[in-house]
Amino acid sequence: MNSERTIFSQIMDFLPMYEFRKCISRYSGNYKVK
């Protein structure tokens, strides 16, 4: 099992939350998400 942090969690530390949400809304990241 991998004990290191995932790349996604490292990116989330780097990006502010509003930038992440802006990317989600730009690329329709929540499309068909329940």
C-alpha atoms as a PDB file:
ATOM      1  CA  MET A   1       0.000   0.000   0.000  1.00  0.00           C
ATOM      2  CA  ASN A   2       1.245   3.467  -0.841  1.00  0.00           C
ATOM      3  CA  SER A   3       2.153   5.426   2.283  1.00  0.00           C
ATOM      4  CA  GLU A   4       2.980   8.639   0.430  1.00  0.00           C
ATOM      5  CA  ARG A   5       0.490  11.353  -0.331  1.00  0.00           C
ATOM      6  CA  THR A   6      -1.331  11.223  -3.633  1.00  0.00           C
ATOM      7  CA  ILE A   7      -0.603  13.723  -6.365  1.00  0.00           C
ATOM      8  CA  PHE A   8      -4.149  15.063  -6.094  1.00  0.00           C
ATOM      9  CA  SER A   9      -3.701  15.901  -2.397  1.00  0.00           C
ATOM     10  CA  GLN A  10      -0.403  17.648  -3.143  1.00  0.00           C
ATOM     11  CA  ILE A  11      -2.076  19.735  -5.853  1.00  0.00           C
ATOM     12  CA  MET A  12      -4.893  20.632  -3.468  1.00  0.00           C
ATOM     13  CA  ASP A  13      -2.333  21.985  -0.989  1.00  0.00           C
ATOM     14  CA  PHE A  14      -0.889  24.153  -3.745  1.00  0.00           C
ATOM     15  CA  LEU A  15      -4.155  25.473  -5.233  1.00  0.00           C
ATOM     16  CA  PRO A  16      -6.498  27.749  -3.309  1.00  0.00           C
ATOM     17  CA  MET A  17     -10.038  26.376  -3.034  1.00  0.00           C
ATOM     18  CA  TYR A  18     -11.603  29.150  -5.145  1.00  0.00           C
ATOM     19  CA  GLU A  19      -9.218  28.373  -8.019  1.00  0.00           C
ATOM     20  CA  PHE A  20     -10.197  24.709  -7.800  1.00  0.00           C
ATOM     21  CA  ARG A  21     -13.905  25.560  -7.862  1.00  0.00           C
ATOM     22  CA  LYS A  22     -13.341  27.932 -10.782  1.00  0.00           C
ATOM     23  CA  CYS A  23     -11.778  25.084 -12.775  1.00  0.00           C
ATOM     24  CA  ILE A  24     -14.683  22.795 -11.874  1.00  0.00           C
ATOM     25  CA  SER A  25     -17.245  25.307 -13.090  1.00  0.00           C
ATOM     26  CA  ARG A  26     -15.255  26.104 -16.240  1.00  0.00           C
ATOM     27  CA  TYR A  27     -14.950  22.492 -17.352  1.00  0.00           C
ATOM     28  CA  SER A  28     -18.307  21.274 -15.975  1.00  0.00           C
ATOM     29  CA  GLY A  29     -16.569  19.020 -13.465  1.00  0.00           C
ATOM     30  CA  ASN A  30     -19.775  18.378 -11.510  1.00  0.00           C
ATOM     31  CA  TYR A  31     -21.711  17.220 -14.570  1.00  0.00           C
ATOM     32  CA  LYS A  32     -23.680  14.047 -13.696  1.00  0.00           C
ATOM     33  CA  VAL A  33     -22.217  13.876 -10.173  1.00  0.00           C
ATOM     34  CA  LYS A  34     -24.701  12.714  -7.553  1.00  0.00           C
END
